N, C-alpha and C. Protein backbone atom coordinates (compact mmCIF):
# COMPACT_ATOMS: atom_id res chain seq x y z
N MET A 1 18.90 -46.64 53.30
CA MET A 1 20.21 -47.23 53.19
C MET A 1 21.24 -46.86 54.12
N GLU A 2 20.52 -45.74 55.04
CA GLU A 2 21.70 -45.42 56.72
C GLU A 2 21.07 -46.14 57.43
N ARG A 3 20.08 -46.69 57.33
CA ARG A 3 19.26 -47.71 58.38
C ARG A 3 19.69 -49.16 58.17
N GLU A 4 20.45 -49.39 57.77
CA GLU A 4 20.84 -50.67 57.19
C GLU A 4 20.63 -51.72 58.15
N GLY A 5 20.31 -52.96 58.04
CA GLY A 5 19.60 -53.95 58.88
C GLY A 5 18.19 -53.46 59.70
N GLU A 6 17.61 -52.46 59.74
CA GLU A 6 16.52 -51.97 60.61
C GLU A 6 15.27 -51.88 59.60
N GLY A 7 14.13 -52.86 59.97
CA GLY A 7 13.20 -52.83 59.54
C GLY A 7 12.48 -51.55 59.12
N LEU A 8 11.57 -50.96 58.09
CA LEU A 8 10.72 -50.02 58.33
C LEU A 8 9.79 -50.22 57.57
N SER A 9 8.51 -49.58 58.27
CA SER A 9 7.25 -49.92 57.61
C SER A 9 6.95 -49.48 56.55
N ARG A 10 5.74 -50.23 56.14
CA ARG A 10 5.56 -49.23 54.73
C ARG A 10 5.53 -47.72 54.56
N ASP A 11 4.67 -47.42 55.82
CA ASP A 11 4.27 -45.81 56.58
C ASP A 11 5.44 -45.10 56.51
N ASP A 12 6.53 -45.61 57.29
CA ASP A 12 7.85 -45.28 57.23
C ASP A 12 8.00 -44.83 56.25
N ILE A 13 8.46 -45.60 55.16
CA ILE A 13 8.73 -45.23 53.57
C ILE A 13 8.01 -44.36 53.15
N LEU A 14 6.56 -44.56 52.86
CA LEU A 14 5.42 -43.61 52.02
C LEU A 14 6.47 -41.91 52.88
N ASN A 15 5.92 -42.23 54.28
CA ASN A 15 6.27 -40.75 54.66
C ASN A 15 7.24 -39.84 54.35
N ALA A 16 8.36 -40.82 54.55
CA ALA A 16 10.03 -40.32 53.75
C ALA A 16 9.95 -39.78 52.73
N VAL A 17 9.35 -40.66 51.32
CA VAL A 17 9.37 -40.30 50.68
C VAL A 17 8.92 -39.38 49.78
N TRP A 18 7.49 -39.40 49.91
CA TRP A 18 6.55 -38.86 49.37
C TRP A 18 5.48 -37.99 50.25
N GLY A 19 6.20 -38.06 51.54
CA GLY A 19 5.50 -37.15 52.32
C GLY A 19 4.02 -37.24 53.12
N ARG A 20 3.90 -37.06 54.64
CA ARG A 20 3.02 -37.25 55.36
C ARG A 20 1.53 -37.03 54.52
N HIS A 21 1.21 -35.85 54.10
CA HIS A 21 0.24 -35.35 53.41
C HIS A 21 -0.51 -36.16 52.10
N TYR A 22 0.95 -37.36 51.68
CA TYR A 22 0.13 -38.08 50.40
C TYR A 22 -0.78 -38.77 50.67
N VAL A 23 -2.18 -38.58 49.54
CA VAL A 23 -3.09 -39.05 49.28
C VAL A 23 -2.85 -39.79 48.15
N GLY A 24 -3.17 -41.77 48.37
CA GLY A 24 -3.15 -42.39 47.58
C GLY A 24 -3.11 -44.06 47.99
N ASP A 25 -2.88 -44.86 47.52
CA ASP A 25 -2.48 -46.08 47.52
C ASP A 25 -1.57 -46.48 48.18
N LEU A 26 -1.37 -47.04 49.27
CA LEU A 26 0.06 -47.60 50.24
C LEU A 26 0.79 -48.52 49.32
N LYS A 27 0.60 -49.06 48.41
CA LYS A 27 1.09 -50.26 47.49
C LYS A 27 1.86 -49.63 46.32
N ILE A 28 2.02 -48.29 46.50
CA ILE A 28 2.51 -47.30 45.60
C ILE A 28 4.31 -48.09 46.17
N VAL A 29 4.44 -48.02 47.77
CA VAL A 29 5.81 -48.48 48.34
C VAL A 29 5.99 -49.98 47.80
N ASP A 30 5.25 -50.75 47.17
CA ASP A 30 5.29 -51.91 47.15
C ASP A 30 5.79 -52.05 45.42
N VAL A 31 5.11 -51.44 44.87
CA VAL A 31 5.28 -51.07 43.39
C VAL A 31 6.86 -50.70 43.57
N ASN A 32 7.26 -49.74 43.71
CA ASN A 32 8.57 -49.05 43.49
C ASN A 32 9.69 -49.57 44.16
N ILE A 33 9.52 -50.52 45.47
CA ILE A 33 10.36 -51.62 45.88
C ILE A 33 10.42 -52.45 44.44
N ARG A 34 9.64 -53.05 43.94
CA ARG A 34 9.75 -53.50 42.96
C ARG A 34 10.59 -53.56 41.34
N ARG A 35 10.22 -52.13 41.14
CA ARG A 35 11.45 -51.19 40.25
C ARG A 35 12.52 -51.48 40.93
N ILE A 36 12.88 -50.78 42.05
CA ILE A 36 14.36 -50.95 42.13
C ILE A 36 15.28 -52.15 42.36
N ARG A 37 14.07 -53.70 42.85
CA ARG A 37 14.58 -54.50 42.64
C ARG A 37 15.46 -55.28 41.78
N GLN A 38 14.40 -54.71 40.79
CA GLN A 38 15.05 -55.06 38.73
C GLN A 38 16.13 -54.29 38.47
N LYS A 39 16.46 -53.13 39.20
CA LYS A 39 17.42 -52.61 38.80
C LYS A 39 18.46 -52.65 39.56
N ILE A 40 18.61 -53.40 40.87
CA ILE A 40 19.89 -53.36 41.59
C ILE A 40 19.75 -55.17 41.87
N GLU A 41 19.46 -55.83 42.10
CA GLU A 41 19.16 -57.14 42.41
C GLU A 41 20.00 -58.27 41.14
N ILE A 42 20.54 -59.16 41.52
CA ILE A 42 20.86 -60.41 40.48
C ILE A 42 19.53 -61.18 39.94
N LYS A 43 19.17 -61.26 40.57
CA LYS A 43 17.48 -62.18 40.69
C LYS A 43 16.45 -61.84 41.84
N PRO A 44 15.84 -60.90 40.57
CA PRO A 44 15.15 -59.96 41.59
C PRO A 44 13.78 -61.09 42.10
N SER A 45 12.97 -62.10 41.58
CA SER A 45 12.48 -62.98 42.66
C SER A 45 13.27 -63.27 43.87
N ASP A 46 14.74 -63.47 44.12
CA ASP A 46 14.91 -63.94 45.11
C ASP A 46 16.12 -62.69 45.63
N PRO A 47 15.25 -61.40 46.10
CA PRO A 47 15.93 -60.76 46.46
C PRO A 47 17.01 -60.93 47.78
N LYS A 48 18.48 -60.15 47.55
CA LYS A 48 19.32 -60.07 48.63
C LYS A 48 19.63 -58.90 49.53
N HIS A 49 19.17 -58.07 48.61
CA HIS A 49 19.36 -56.61 49.52
C HIS A 49 18.05 -56.19 49.68
N ILE A 50 17.14 -55.82 49.34
CA ILE A 50 16.10 -55.72 50.05
C ILE A 50 14.74 -56.71 50.53
N GLU A 51 15.06 -56.88 51.42
CA GLU A 51 14.42 -58.12 52.19
C GLU A 51 13.20 -57.69 52.33
N THR A 52 12.03 -58.47 52.20
CA THR A 52 10.51 -58.38 52.48
C THR A 52 10.51 -59.09 53.96
N LEU A 53 9.84 -57.73 54.85
CA LEU A 53 9.35 -58.56 55.94
C LEU A 53 7.87 -58.46 55.78
N TRP A 54 7.41 -59.75 55.84
CA TRP A 54 6.07 -59.86 55.60
C TRP A 54 5.13 -59.10 56.78
N GLY A 55 3.89 -58.49 56.27
CA GLY A 55 2.93 -58.20 57.05
C GLY A 55 3.68 -56.89 57.58
N TYR A 56 4.89 -56.28 57.32
CA TYR A 56 5.20 -54.73 57.84
C TYR A 56 6.02 -54.07 57.07
N GLY A 57 7.18 -54.45 56.49
CA GLY A 57 7.33 -53.11 55.39
C GLY A 57 8.87 -54.19 54.71
N TYR A 58 9.86 -53.29 54.74
CA TYR A 58 11.20 -53.70 54.25
C TYR A 58 12.36 -53.71 54.92
N ARG A 59 13.86 -54.26 54.63
CA ARG A 59 14.85 -54.17 55.36
C ARG A 59 15.99 -53.82 54.32
N TRP A 60 17.02 -53.07 54.51
CA TRP A 60 17.87 -53.07 53.61
C TRP A 60 19.06 -53.70 54.19
N ASN A 61 19.58 -54.89 53.02
CA ASN A 61 20.84 -55.62 53.33
C ASN A 61 22.12 -55.25 52.60
N ARG A 62 23.05 -54.07 52.72
CA ARG A 62 24.03 -54.03 52.06
C ARG A 62 24.86 -55.20 51.45
N SER A 63 25.31 -55.83 52.27
CA SER A 63 26.04 -56.96 51.63
C SER A 63 25.15 -58.18 51.46
N GLY A 64 23.77 -58.31 51.19
CA GLY A 64 23.27 -59.03 50.40
C GLY A 64 23.18 -60.44 51.43
N ASP A 65 23.46 -60.66 52.53
CA ASP A 65 23.50 -61.81 53.24
C ASP A 65 22.49 -61.61 53.98
N GLN A 66 21.91 -62.71 53.87
CA GLN A 66 20.51 -63.42 54.72
C GLN A 66 20.44 -64.15 55.81
C-alpha cells in the first residue's frame, strides 16, 4: 500500500510477506490476492484497487481509478 501505482512482481510480494526462504508454490500469492479482493472490492471480478499486471504481478490503486 505504501508503493501505490508501482507494479510488484509475484516474487517481490512472496519475499516481502513469506520471506526469501519460503518453500512452496508461487500461486499462494494469487490465492491470497483473490481473498483480499473478496474483502475490499465492490465487485471482485472487476477489481479497481488491486490491478493485475498480466504475466508480472499486481499494482495497488488507492483511489480505485484505472
